[in-house]
Structure formats: C-alpha cells, structure tokens
Amino acid sequence: MLNFNHLSERLNKVIKNLTGQGRLTESNIEDTLRDIRIALLEADVALPVAKEFIDDIKAKALGKEVMESLKPGEVLIKLVHDELVHIMGEYNEALNLKVQPPAVVMMAGLQGSGKTTTVAKLARWLHQSQKKTVLVASADIYRPAAIDQLETLAKTVGAEFYPSKTTDDPVEIARGAIQAARNKVIDVVIIDTAGRLHIDDEMMTEIKRLHAAIEPVETLFVVDSMTGQDAANTAKAFNDALPLTGVILTKTDGDARGGAALSIRHITGKPIKFLGVGEKIDALEPFYPDRVASRILGMGDIISLVEEAERNLDRAKAEKLVKKIKKGKSFDLEDFRDQLKQIHNMGGVMGIMSKLPGINQLPQNVKDQFNDKKLVEIEAIINSMTPKERRFPDVIRNSQKRRIALGSGTSIQAINQLLKQFTQMQKMMKKMSKKGGIMKLMRGMQGKFPFGGGGGLPPGMPF
C-alpha cells in the first residue's frame, strides 16, 4: 500500500479550512499556501521543489476566474492536484521494450535499497503483465548472497537465471547473459549490479564500464523512498554519472511522508517508472502521477483498484459463488475463506481501502479497525475447523470451539465473535439472492457502519 499519510492528512486539513470561506482572497491564499508549504517540507519534500510548487499554485490562484469562484476549497483541490501531477511527471512513462530482443535493462542503486528483490519483482511484472520472457543475471561479484538470492527469486517468479561467480568479471557476466538470452530467444534481460553503502569512485567507475559495454535500453535507479530527500540527491548523483532512463522507488508502503516521490522528477529530470509497495514479490506497480495525486488528496484511485481486481480476482470462483447464492444455497465459511484469500491477493484490506475515495476523512480509530492481522486470525480459525464445521457453522459446540481455539492460537471469544459476524453476513447474502437485492442491501448498509461518527458510509464512497 502506498503511504502518504502525513502529507495527505495535512493537505486535506488545509483545504478543509478554506472550504468554509466564501471566496479566495490574497489574504486567505497566503495563509493557505504557507500551510501547504509547511506540509510539503514536513513530508521531506526538497526545498526547491516546495518553492516551485507554491509559486506555481499562487500564480494560478490569483487569476481572475479562480478569485471569483464561490467554492474556494474545490478550486484549490484542483490546483493542488494538477501541480502534484505536474511535479511528479504528468503521465506514466512505460519501459522502452520496442527494440530487437533481448531488451537489456540495467539496475543500479545503493546497498539496502531493495535492488535485487526489485529485479525479481520487475521480472514477474514483465512476465505477468506484458507477457514477456525474462532472463536475470547478477553482476554483483562482491556479495555471493546476492547471486544466490537472485537465483532463488528467479525460480519463484518464473524467470531464467544466468549463473555467475564472485571470480567473474561483471562485464563478462552481463555479456554472457545477453548472449544466452539471444540463444534462447528471450525478450528481456535484467542485469543486477553491485551496490555500495554509499556512492564512491570505484563503484561509479565499474558501473560506467558495465553500462558502456552492454548499452542497455533502460538504466533504472532503485532507491529507498524512506531516505526522503536523500533519495532524490542520491538519484541525482547516479544520474550525473550514468544516463538513467528512470527510477524505481521502493518501500513506499513504509514511507509516511512521501517527499521522495515529489522531489525525484524535479531534481533528476528522470521519471519514476515503478513503485515498490510491499515486501511480497507481486508488490510492484507502475507509477501514475495522476493516480498518486488523487490518493494524496483523498480522492481515491478506483482505476488502480479495478486493475488490481482484474489481475488478482479468481473470476471462476466469483461466478460460482454468485450462482450458488442465486440458487438460494447458504454462504458458508469455505466461501468466506475464499473471499479472504482474494482480499490478500489484492494487497489486503488496507491496500484496498487506501484506493477508496474519502478514506482520509475517516477518524483514526475507524481506520484502525481495518486490520489485516484480524483477517489472518479469522483465516487461522476457519482453517482449524473440519470441512463439516465450515459448511455448517451452526453445529459448532463449546467443546469444538475449545479445539478450534487451540488449533488456531486464538480464544473462544474470538471464535464466538467470528460466528456472530458470520451469521449477520449470511443474512446479507440471502438478501442479495433476491431480485434487486444488491441495491436494497447497499441502502440498508447506509447508516450501519460506524464511519465518520454519525453513521453512514464515508464521504465519497461509491455507493
């Protein structure tokens, strides 16, 4: 899940304060822009980037049309959104793979940035999303563990692995991998390179020599977003030495500030092409500035959510469940467990929630209820049941609950809570099986969720 919590909360608070005012004036624009500037700097956005951001918005906000608007909050949201998009790069810049195969991709970065894991994630993304065959090779002759790690990951993601040893020359490893890909008619070769704990002349000399020898079509710099402004400065240092074609920003799920994403394009002139959004091997997504800007401003990202569903949901199982419910058959705990697995495949509850509109407006105590650990506990409880108990939860007695609690490492209270919630869910499913049931169900759900303190669904939710 992409994490811009702090910046998102601050910007939304600033804009909310302006919403109650009748019109934009030079005075309230100055106050608002000062608050936005502080929010950006606290999010570790580089000072020159924050300055340009504020100057651009100010110039547009003082325009005649904007000044005469009756809805200053909405106007400002649009200006901030457009400026976020502008500063992050306008649109997604795809990998350039339209070359005579194999397309050679070289990965550079410091140690600890998640470079080797990102090589495997990218290989998986190319295979799954672009239907490309991929070969990976490690030219990191200083860390035998990096070579072994890449070999293991290659098997996991279904990529070919070109073996290398610590006694080999990095240039010869890369050339050998490219030739092997030609021989096997493989579409893309990804070369992992050596990293250091910091930038030094020896590393830069080696990586320049490697780049000159293989002339990659893409040279991607992998950088840890949690280093904030340093991420942008490190990317600039590499870009000064190498003709980078793009950046992959890792660990964005753990970066509550987001300064790196907003600074890199401005400082390096190079686009962010992908985001690492978690530890799982499928946690890599193309970078769309407009979608990220929408998420920061609490507008959600329904397009990415739909794409995620298309990729990860088991359509056959979903259709089977719909038919089952339409026939009036009971929704059981086996079905529920399948639904939980589908949620996991889509990045968990928080991964889904982060893409829904209005989620930033929920109180923190409500957000805390959307806990993926709870789902893991529920799945453990269901797994500890017998097939009969899953199909007919009503038959579960106290002695069985004790056994289930022991097997799942939970308590009888947790099992009682699950069974109570599940009974309510079964009733909802029965309503859905009737004509027009889904819309009645949605209307019935309005006011039954503890969102926003006064009941009802969060503002902007698509119901």
Protein backbone atom coordinates (compact mmCIF):
# COMPACT_ATOMS: atom_id res chain seq x y z
CA MET A 1 0.00 0.00 0.00
CA LEU A 2 1.32 3.41 -0.97
CA ASN A 3 1.72 5.50 2.16
CA PHE A 4 1.45 9.31 2.14
CA ASN A 5 -0.42 9.54 5.45
CA HIS A 6 1.20 12.64 6.90
CA LEU A 7 1.18 14.74 3.73
CA SER A 8 -2.34 13.59 2.91
CA GLU A 9 -3.72 14.50 6.34
CA ARG A 10 -2.04 17.92 6.36
CA LEU A 11 -3.18 18.90 2.84
CA ASN A 12 -6.74 17.76 3.49
CA LYS A 13 -6.84 19.76 6.73
CA VAL A 14 -5.58 22.90 4.96
CA ILE A 15 -8.13 22.59 2.16
CA LYS A 16 -10.95 21.82 4.62
CA ASN A 17 -10.16 25.04 6.49
CA LEU A 18 -10.51 27.00 3.25
CA THR A 19 -13.77 25.31 2.23
CA GLY A 20 -15.83 27.20 4.79
CA GLN A 21 -14.73 30.57 3.38
CA GLY A 22 -16.81 32.36 0.74
CA ARG A 23 -14.15 33.35 -1.78
CA LEU A 24 -10.44 33.21 -2.37
CA THR A 25 -8.68 36.43 -1.35
CA GLU A 26 -5.00 37.35 -1.43
CA SER A 27 -5.03 37.07 2.35
CA ASN A 28 -6.52 33.57 2.67
CA ILE A 29 -4.44 32.33 -0.30
CA GLU A 30 -1.27 33.47 1.51
CA ASP A 31 -2.30 31.67 4.72
CA THR A 32 -3.27 28.50 2.86
CA LEU A 33 -0.11 28.40 0.77
CA ARG A 34 2.02 28.87 3.86
CA ASP A 35 0.31 25.84 5.45
CA ILE A 36 0.79 23.80 2.24
CA ARG A 37 4.48 24.77 2.16
CA ILE A 38 4.91 23.58 5.77
CA ALA A 39 3.08 20.31 4.92
CA LEU A 40 5.43 19.70 1.96
CA LEU A 41 8.59 20.43 3.97
CA GLU A 42 7.42 18.21 6.84
CA ALA A 43 6.88 15.46 4.24
CA ASP A 44 10.61 15.83 3.41
CA VAL A 45 9.99 17.39 0.00
CA ALA A 46 13.16 19.16 -1.20
CA LEU A 47 13.08 22.93 -0.60
CA PRO A 48 13.44 23.98 -4.30
CA VAL A 49 10.57 21.62 -5.18
CA ALA A 50 8.33 23.00 -2.43
CA LYS A 51 9.15 26.57 -3.53
CA GLU A 52 8.27 25.93 -7.17
CA PHE A 53 5.11 24.08 -6.11
CA ILE A 54 3.89 27.06 -4.04
CA ASP A 55 4.91 29.69 -6.64
CA ASP A 56 3.01 27.88 -9.41
CA ILE A 57 -0.16 27.47 -7.34
CA LYS A 58 -0.03 31.09 -6.18
CA ALA A 59 0.25 32.38 -9.77
CA LYS A 60 -2.79 30.32 -10.82
CA ALA A 61 -4.82 31.01 -7.66
CA LEU A 62 -4.56 34.77 -8.14
CA GLY A 63 -6.08 34.50 -11.62
CA LYS A 64 -9.47 36.22 -12.23
CA GLU A 65 -11.55 33.04 -12.69
CA VAL A 66 -10.19 31.46 -9.53
CA MET A 67 -10.53 34.61 -7.41
CA GLU A 68 -14.21 34.95 -8.36
CA SER A 69 -15.05 31.32 -7.60
CA LEU A 70 -17.70 30.64 -4.98
CA LYS A 71 -16.12 27.34 -3.97
CA PRO A 72 -12.51 28.09 -2.99
CA GLY A 73 -11.88 24.64 -1.47
CA GLU A 74 -12.80 22.82 -4.71
CA VAL A 75 -10.75 25.26 -6.80
CA LEU A 76 -7.71 24.78 -4.59
CA ILE A 77 -8.03 20.97 -4.60
CA LYS A 78 -7.94 21.09 -8.42
CA LEU A 79 -4.90 23.40 -8.41
CA VAL A 80 -3.01 21.28 -5.87
CA HIS A 81 -3.92 18.07 -7.72
CA ASP A 82 -2.72 19.44 -11.06
CA GLU A 83 0.50 20.76 -9.51
CA LEU A 84 1.19 17.39 -7.82
CA VAL A 85 0.75 15.68 -11.19
CA HIS A 86 2.98 18.26 -12.91
CA ILE A 87 5.79 17.94 -10.38
CA MET A 88 5.71 14.11 -10.43
CA GLY A 89 5.77 13.86 -14.21
CA GLU A 90 2.33 14.28 -15.86
CA TYR A 91 1.89 10.63 -17.00
CA ASN A 92 3.22 7.11 -16.62
CA GLU A 93 6.39 6.59 -18.67
CA ALA A 94 6.49 2.95 -19.72
CA LEU A 95 9.61 0.86 -20.20
CA ASN A 96 11.06 1.07 -23.70
CA LEU A 97 10.96 -2.55 -24.86
CA LYS A 98 10.38 -1.87 -28.57
CA VAL A 99 13.84 -2.99 -29.62
CA GLN A 100 15.37 -6.06 -31.22
CA PRO A 101 15.22 -8.73 -28.46
CA PRO A 102 16.64 -9.08 -25.98
CA ALA A 103 15.85 -5.66 -24.46
CA VAL A 104 18.58 -5.09 -21.86
CA VAL A 105 17.58 -3.47 -18.55
CA MET A 106 20.33 -2.49 -16.11
CA MET A 107 19.50 -1.93 -12.43
CA ALA A 108 21.65 0.39 -10.30
CA GLY A 109 21.39 1.51 -6.69
CA LEU A 110 22.91 1.52 -3.23
CA GLN A 111 23.03 -1.49 -0.94
CA GLY A 112 19.88 -1.90 1.12
CA SER A 113 17.61 -0.18 -1.40
CA GLY A 114 15.90 -3.48 -2.28
CA LYS A 115 17.58 -3.69 -5.69
CA THR A 116 17.88 -7.50 -6.03
CA THR A 117 14.30 -8.07 -4.86
CA THR A 118 13.14 -5.37 -7.29
CA VAL A 119 14.89 -7.19 -10.16
CA ALA A 120 12.72 -10.23 -9.39
CA LYS A 121 9.57 -8.11 -8.95
CA LEU A 122 10.18 -6.44 -12.31
CA ALA A 123 10.78 -9.83 -13.96
CA ARG A 124 7.47 -11.05 -12.57
CA TRP A 125 5.65 -7.89 -13.69
CA LEU A 126 7.07 -8.20 -17.23
CA HIS A 127 6.06 -11.86 -17.36
CA GLN A 128 2.56 -11.42 -15.91
CA SER A 129 1.51 -8.02 -17.32
CA GLN A 130 3.48 -7.75 -20.54
CA LYS A 131 3.70 -11.48 -21.42
CA LYS A 132 7.48 -11.22 -21.83
CA THR A 133 10.04 -13.95 -21.26
CA VAL A 134 12.77 -12.73 -18.90
CA LEU A 135 16.33 -13.72 -18.01
CA VAL A 136 18.03 -12.27 -14.92
CA ALA A 137 21.72 -12.17 -14.02
CA SER A 138 23.74 -10.81 -11.10
CA ALA A 139 26.91 -8.83 -11.80
CA ASP A 140 27.33 -8.22 -8.06
CA ILE A 141 30.60 -10.13 -7.60
CA TYR A 142 31.15 -8.71 -4.10
CA ARG A 143 28.19 -10.42 -2.46
CA PRO A 144 27.77 -14.16 -3.07
CA ALA A 145 24.49 -13.94 -1.12
CA ALA A 146 23.10 -11.53 -3.75
CA ILE A 147 23.77 -14.06 -6.53
CA ASP A 148 22.15 -16.88 -4.52
CA GLN A 149 19.20 -14.66 -3.62
CA LEU A 150 18.56 -13.76 -7.25
CA GLU A 151 18.72 -17.42 -8.31
CA THR A 152 16.10 -18.33 -5.69
CA LEU A 153 13.86 -15.40 -6.62
CA ALA A 154 14.14 -16.19 -10.35
CA LYS A 155 12.65 -19.65 -9.72
CA THR A 156 9.81 -18.07 -7.72
CA VAL A 157 8.82 -15.64 -10.49
CA GLY A 158 9.37 -17.99 -13.44
CA ALA A 159 12.39 -16.19 -14.93
CA GLU A 160 15.51 -17.75 -16.42
CA PHE A 161 18.65 -17.33 -14.32
CA TYR A 162 22.14 -16.87 -15.79
CA PRO A 163 24.69 -18.21 -13.28
CA SER A 164 27.67 -16.11 -12.17
CA LYS A 165 30.52 -16.37 -9.64
CA THR A 166 32.39 -13.89 -7.47
CA THR A 167 35.55 -14.55 -9.52
CA ASP A 168 33.89 -13.46 -12.79
CA ASP A 169 34.24 -10.04 -14.41
CA PRO A 170 30.94 -8.06 -14.24
CA VAL A 171 31.17 -7.09 -17.92
CA GLU A 172 31.68 -10.73 -18.97
CA ILE A 173 28.72 -11.81 -16.79
CA ALA A 174 26.45 -9.26 -18.49
CA ARG A 175 27.66 -10.11 -21.99
CA GLY A 176 27.24 -13.83 -21.31
CA ALA A 177 23.68 -13.28 -20.04
CA ILE A 178 22.73 -11.25 -23.13
CA GLN A 179 24.15 -13.94 -25.44
CA ALA A 180 22.31 -16.67 -23.51
CA ALA A 181 19.07 -14.70 -23.94
CA ARG A 182 19.70 -14.39 -27.69
CA ASN A 183 20.31 -18.13 -27.95
CA LYS A 184 17.07 -18.91 -26.11
CA VAL A 185 15.09 -16.14 -27.88
CA ILE A 186 14.23 -14.40 -24.59
CA ASP A 187 12.55 -10.98 -24.70
CA VAL A 188 14.17 -9.11 -21.77
CA VAL A 189 17.44 -9.39 -19.83
CA ILE A 190 17.68 -7.70 -16.42
CA ILE A 191 21.20 -7.16 -15.07
CA ASP A 192 21.56 -6.66 -11.30
CA THR A 193 24.67 -4.61 -10.46
CA ALA A 194 26.80 -4.19 -7.33
CA GLY A 195 25.69 -1.67 -4.76
CA ARG A 196 27.66 0.06 -2.01
CA LEU A 197 26.64 1.55 1.32
CA HIS A 198 27.43 4.95 -0.18
CA ILE A 199 28.50 6.42 -3.53
CA ASP A 200 32.24 6.07 -4.22
CA ASP A 201 34.53 6.48 -7.23
CA GLU A 202 35.28 2.76 -7.51
CA MET A 203 31.61 1.82 -7.80
CA MET A 204 30.90 4.58 -10.32
CA THR A 205 33.88 3.58 -12.48
CA GLU A 206 32.73 -0.05 -12.54
CA ILE A 207 29.09 0.74 -13.31
CA LYS A 208 30.08 3.17 -16.10
CA ARG A 209 32.31 0.45 -17.64
CA LEU A 210 29.44 -2.04 -17.45
CA HIS A 211 26.97 0.42 -18.98
CA ALA A 212 29.32 1.25 -21.86
CA ALA A 213 29.87 -2.45 -22.60
CA ILE A 214 26.22 -3.55 -22.77
CA GLU A 215 24.43 -0.31 -23.80
CA PRO A 216 21.15 -1.09 -22.01
CA VAL A 217 17.90 0.26 -23.43
CA GLU A 218 16.76 1.03 -19.84
CA THR A 219 19.00 2.04 -16.93
CA LEU A 220 16.85 2.12 -13.82
CA PHE A 221 17.93 3.52 -10.49
CA VAL A 222 16.44 1.72 -7.48
CA VAL A 223 16.15 3.93 -4.40
CA ASP A 224 14.64 3.58 -0.93
CA SER A 225 11.85 6.18 -0.52
CA MET A 226 12.28 6.14 3.26
CA THR A 227 15.52 8.11 2.86
CA GLY A 228 13.37 11.10 1.83
CA GLN A 229 15.33 14.00 0.30
CA ASP A 230 18.47 11.84 0.30
CA ALA A 231 16.71 9.54 -2.18
CA ALA A 232 16.42 12.40 -4.67
CA ASN A 233 20.01 13.56 -4.06
CA THR A 234 21.41 10.02 -4.49
CA ALA A 235 19.41 9.61 -7.70
CA LYS A 236 20.91 12.87 -8.96
CA ALA A 237 24.47 11.68 -8.20
CA PHE A 238 23.86 8.47 -10.19
CA ASN A 239 22.21 10.41 -12.99
CA ASP A 240 25.28 12.65 -13.25
CA ALA A 241 27.43 9.53 -13.76
CA LEU A 242 25.03 7.38 -15.81
CA PRO A 243 22.38 8.17 -18.41
CA LEU A 244 19.46 6.97 -16.26
CA THR A 245 16.15 6.36 -18.03
CA GLY A 246 14.04 6.13 -14.89
CA VAL A 247 13.71 5.48 -11.17
CA ILE A 248 12.07 2.71 -9.15
CA LEU A 249 11.04 3.94 -5.72
CA THR A 250 10.99 1.13 -3.13
CA LYS A 251 9.46 0.77 0.35
CA THR A 252 6.75 3.34 -0.39
CA ASP A 253 4.38 1.37 1.84
CA GLY A 254 6.52 2.31 4.84
CA ASP A 255 7.18 5.95 3.93
CA ALA A 256 4.57 8.04 5.74
CA ARG A 257 5.98 11.28 4.31
CA GLY A 258 6.23 10.86 0.54
CA GLY A 259 8.89 13.53 -0.07
CA ALA A 260 10.98 11.33 -2.38
CA ALA A 261 8.11 10.77 -4.83
CA LEU A 262 7.51 14.51 -5.07
CA SER A 263 11.19 15.51 -5.35
CA ILE A 264 12.87 12.97 -7.66
CA ARG A 265 11.46 14.10 -11.01
CA HIS A 266 12.25 17.76 -10.31
CA ILE A 267 15.80 17.11 -9.07
CA THR A 268 16.90 14.46 -11.61
CA GLY A 269 14.66 15.22 -14.58
CA LYS A 270 14.04 11.47 -14.77
CA PRO A 271 10.64 9.79 -14.38
CA ILE A 272 9.63 7.44 -11.60
CA LYS A 273 8.58 4.33 -13.56
CA PHE A 274 7.59 1.95 -10.74
CA LEU A 275 6.77 1.90 -7.04
CA GLY A 276 7.65 -0.93 -4.67
CA VAL A 277 4.55 -1.09 -2.46
CA GLY A 278 5.31 -4.00 -0.12
CA GLU A 279 7.52 -6.98 0.59
CA LYS A 280 5.60 -9.53 -1.50
CA ILE A 281 7.04 -10.49 -4.87
CA ASP A 282 4.00 -9.01 -6.66
CA ALA A 283 4.20 -5.69 -4.77
CA LEU A 284 5.38 -3.57 -7.71
CA GLU A 285 3.14 -1.20 -9.61
CA PRO A 286 3.67 1.27 -12.48
CA PHE A 287 3.83 4.89 -11.30
CA TYR A 288 0.90 7.03 -12.45
CA PRO A 289 1.34 10.64 -11.19
CA ASP A 290 -2.38 11.46 -11.55
CA ARG A 291 -3.44 8.42 -9.54
CA VAL A 292 -0.88 9.10 -6.81
CA ALA A 293 -2.01 12.75 -6.63
CA SER A 294 -5.63 11.59 -6.25
CA ARG A 295 -4.65 9.26 -3.40
CA ILE A 296 -2.71 12.02 -1.63
CA LEU A 297 -5.78 14.29 -1.76
CA GLY A 298 -8.15 11.56 -0.56
CA MET A 299 -9.92 11.19 -3.93
CA GLY A 300 -9.06 7.50 -4.09
CA ASP A 301 -7.73 5.52 -7.01
CA ILE A 302 -10.57 3.43 -8.37
CA ILE A 303 -8.76 2.76 -11.69
CA SER A 304 -5.86 1.01 -9.93
CA LEU A 305 -8.32 -0.88 -7.73
CA VAL A 306 -10.20 -2.18 -10.78
CA GLU A 307 -6.93 -3.15 -12.50
CA GLU A 308 -5.85 -4.95 -9.31
CA ALA A 309 -9.14 -6.83 -9.24
CA GLU A 310 -8.80 -7.80 -12.91
CA ARG A 311 -5.33 -9.21 -12.24
CA ASN A 312 -5.89 -10.95 -8.93
CA LEU A 313 -9.52 -11.98 -8.50
CA ASP A 314 -10.46 -15.53 -9.41
CA ARG A 315 -13.32 -14.90 -11.84
CA ALA A 316 -14.41 -18.56 -11.96
CA LYS A 317 -14.73 -18.76 -8.17
CA ALA A 318 -16.63 -15.46 -8.06
CA GLU A 319 -19.12 -16.65 -10.70
CA LYS A 320 -19.54 -19.96 -8.88
CA LEU A 321 -20.35 -18.14 -5.62
CA VAL A 322 -22.89 -15.86 -7.36
CA LYS A 323 -24.65 -18.89 -8.89
CA LYS A 324 -24.66 -20.65 -5.51
CA ILE A 325 -26.25 -17.65 -3.76
CA LYS A 326 -28.78 -17.13 -6.58
CA LYS A 327 -29.91 -20.72 -6.14
CA GLY A 328 -30.67 -19.90 -2.51
CA LYS A 329 -27.84 -22.02 -1.13
CA SER A 330 -26.19 -20.84 2.05
CA PHE A 331 -22.94 -18.83 2.02
CA ASP A 332 -20.61 -20.89 4.25
CA LEU A 333 -17.21 -20.44 5.92
CA GLU A 334 -15.44 -22.16 2.97
CA ASP A 335 -16.80 -19.36 0.76
CA PHE A 336 -15.79 -16.77 3.35
CA ARG A 337 -12.23 -18.14 3.44
CA ASP A 338 -12.06 -17.87 -0.36
CA GLN A 339 -13.10 -14.21 -0.08
CA LEU A 340 -10.35 -13.58 2.48
CA LYS A 341 -7.76 -15.08 0.11
CA GLN A 342 -8.99 -12.79 -2.67
CA ILE A 343 -8.55 -9.79 -0.34
CA HIS A 344 -4.99 -10.91 0.45
CA ASN A 345 -4.26 -11.16 -3.29
CA MET A 346 -5.37 -7.54 -3.73
CA GLY A 347 -2.94 -6.25 -1.10
CA GLY A 348 -5.05 -6.79 2.00
CA VAL A 349 -7.78 -4.63 3.50
CA MET A 350 -5.54 -1.58 3.85
CA GLY A 351 -4.31 -1.96 0.27
CA ILE A 352 -7.93 -1.81 -0.94
CA MET A 353 -9.02 0.89 1.50
CA SER A 354 -6.15 3.20 0.52
CA LYS A 355 -7.59 3.37 -3.01
CA LEU A 356 -11.15 4.27 -1.96
CA PRO A 357 -12.37 7.88 -2.09
CA GLY A 358 -12.97 9.62 1.24
CA ILE A 359 -10.80 7.26 3.26
CA ASN A 360 -8.64 10.10 4.59
CA GLN A 361 -11.71 11.68 6.14
CA LEU A 362 -12.31 8.74 8.45
CA PRO A 363 -11.29 9.12 12.11
CA GLN A 364 -8.10 7.25 13.04
CA ASN A 365 -9.96 4.91 15.41
CA VAL A 366 -12.15 3.78 12.47
CA LYS A 367 -9.13 3.29 10.19
CA ASP A 368 -7.56 1.15 12.91
CA GLN A 369 -10.48 -1.28 12.62
CA PHE A 370 -9.39 -2.18 9.08
CA ASN A 371 -6.70 -4.51 10.33
CA ASP A 372 -5.12 -7.18 8.13
CA LYS A 373 -3.94 -9.03 11.25
CA LYS A 374 -7.59 -9.65 12.09
CA LEU A 375 -8.07 -11.32 8.71
CA VAL A 376 -5.09 -13.60 9.34
CA GLU A 377 -6.66 -14.57 12.70
CA ILE A 378 -10.03 -15.30 11.07
CA GLU A 379 -8.37 -17.45 8.39
CA ALA A 380 -6.49 -19.40 11.09
CA ILE A 381 -9.79 -20.06 12.91
CA ILE A 382 -11.52 -21.31 9.74
CA ASN A 383 -8.50 -23.48 8.84
CA SER A 384 -8.72 -25.14 12.27
CA MET A 385 -12.30 -26.28 11.61
CA THR A 386 -13.32 -29.55 9.97
CA PRO A 387 -14.91 -29.38 6.47
CA LYS A 388 -18.32 -30.12 8.06
CA GLU A 389 -17.90 -27.27 10.58
CA ARG A 390 -17.03 -24.85 7.77
CA ARG A 391 -20.11 -25.85 5.80
CA PHE A 392 -22.46 -25.94 8.80
CA PRO A 393 -21.14 -23.48 11.44
CA ASP A 394 -24.39 -23.87 13.43
CA VAL A 395 -23.25 -27.33 14.59
CA ILE A 396 -20.19 -25.95 16.42
CA ARG A 397 -20.49 -26.52 20.19
CA ASN A 398 -18.31 -25.39 23.11
CA SER A 399 -16.09 -28.49 23.07
CA GLN A 400 -15.40 -27.91 19.36
CA LYS A 401 -14.70 -24.22 20.00
CA ARG A 402 -12.02 -25.19 22.54
CA ARG A 403 -10.37 -27.43 19.93
CA ILE A 404 -10.57 -24.72 17.23
CA ALA A 405 -9.16 -22.08 19.62
CA LEU A 406 -6.23 -24.35 20.47
CA GLY A 407 -5.55 -25.15 16.80
CA SER A 408 -5.70 -21.50 15.69
CA GLY A 409 -3.87 -19.99 18.67
CA THR A 410 -6.89 -17.79 19.43
CA SER A 411 -9.64 -17.70 22.09
CA ILE A 412 -13.22 -18.92 22.39
CA GLN A 413 -14.27 -15.22 22.48
CA ALA A 414 -12.64 -14.67 19.05
CA ILE A 415 -14.50 -17.70 17.66
CA ASN A 416 -17.83 -16.50 19.10
CA GLN A 417 -17.27 -13.07 17.57
CA LEU A 418 -16.48 -14.58 14.15
CA LEU A 419 -19.56 -16.84 14.23
CA LYS A 420 -21.80 -13.92 15.24
CA GLN A 421 -20.47 -11.70 12.43
CA PHE A 422 -20.71 -14.58 10.00
CA THR A 423 -24.40 -15.14 10.83
CA GLN A 424 -25.05 -11.47 10.00
CA MET A 425 -23.14 -11.86 6.74
CA GLN A 426 -25.22 -14.92 5.79
CA LYS A 427 -28.40 -12.85 6.24
CA MET A 428 -26.97 -10.15 3.96
CA MET A 429 -26.14 -12.76 1.33
CA LYS A 430 -29.72 -14.07 1.44
CA LYS A 431 -30.99 -10.55 0.74
CA MET A 432 -28.62 -10.34 -2.23
CA SER A 433 -30.09 -13.52 -3.74
CA LYS A 434 -33.49 -11.83 -4.12
CA LYS A 435 -34.46 -9.60 -7.05
CA GLY A 436 -32.96 -6.12 -6.63
CA GLY A 437 -31.28 -7.41 -3.51
CA ILE A 438 -27.88 -5.83 -4.08
CA MET A 439 -29.26 -2.26 -4.20
CA LYS A 440 -31.54 -2.88 -1.20
CA LEU A 441 -28.53 -4.29 0.64
CA MET A 442 -26.41 -1.22 -0.12
CA ARG A 443 -29.19 1.11 1.03
CA GLY A 444 -29.61 -0.98 4.17
CA MET A 445 -25.87 -0.79 4.86
CA GLN A 446 -26.04 3.03 4.86
CA GLY A 447 -26.08 4.08 8.49
CA LYS A 448 -25.00 0.67 9.79
CA PHE A 449 -21.28 1.40 9.60
CA PRO A 450 -19.62 3.48 12.31
CA PHE A 451 -17.92 5.77 9.77
CA GLY A 452 -17.49 9.46 10.37
CA GLY A 453 -19.09 9.37 13.82
CA GLY A 454 -22.65 9.93 12.59
CA GLY A 455 -23.24 6.64 10.82
CA GLY A 456 -23.34 6.10 7.10
CA LEU A 457 -20.55 5.42 4.66
CA PRO A 458 -17.53 7.70 4.39
CA PRO A 459 -17.88 10.77 2.15
CA GLY A 460 -17.10 9.98 -1.48
CA MET A 461 -17.66 6.22 -1.14
CA PRO A 462 -19.06 4.85 -4.43
CA PHE A 463 -22.47 3.67 -3.17
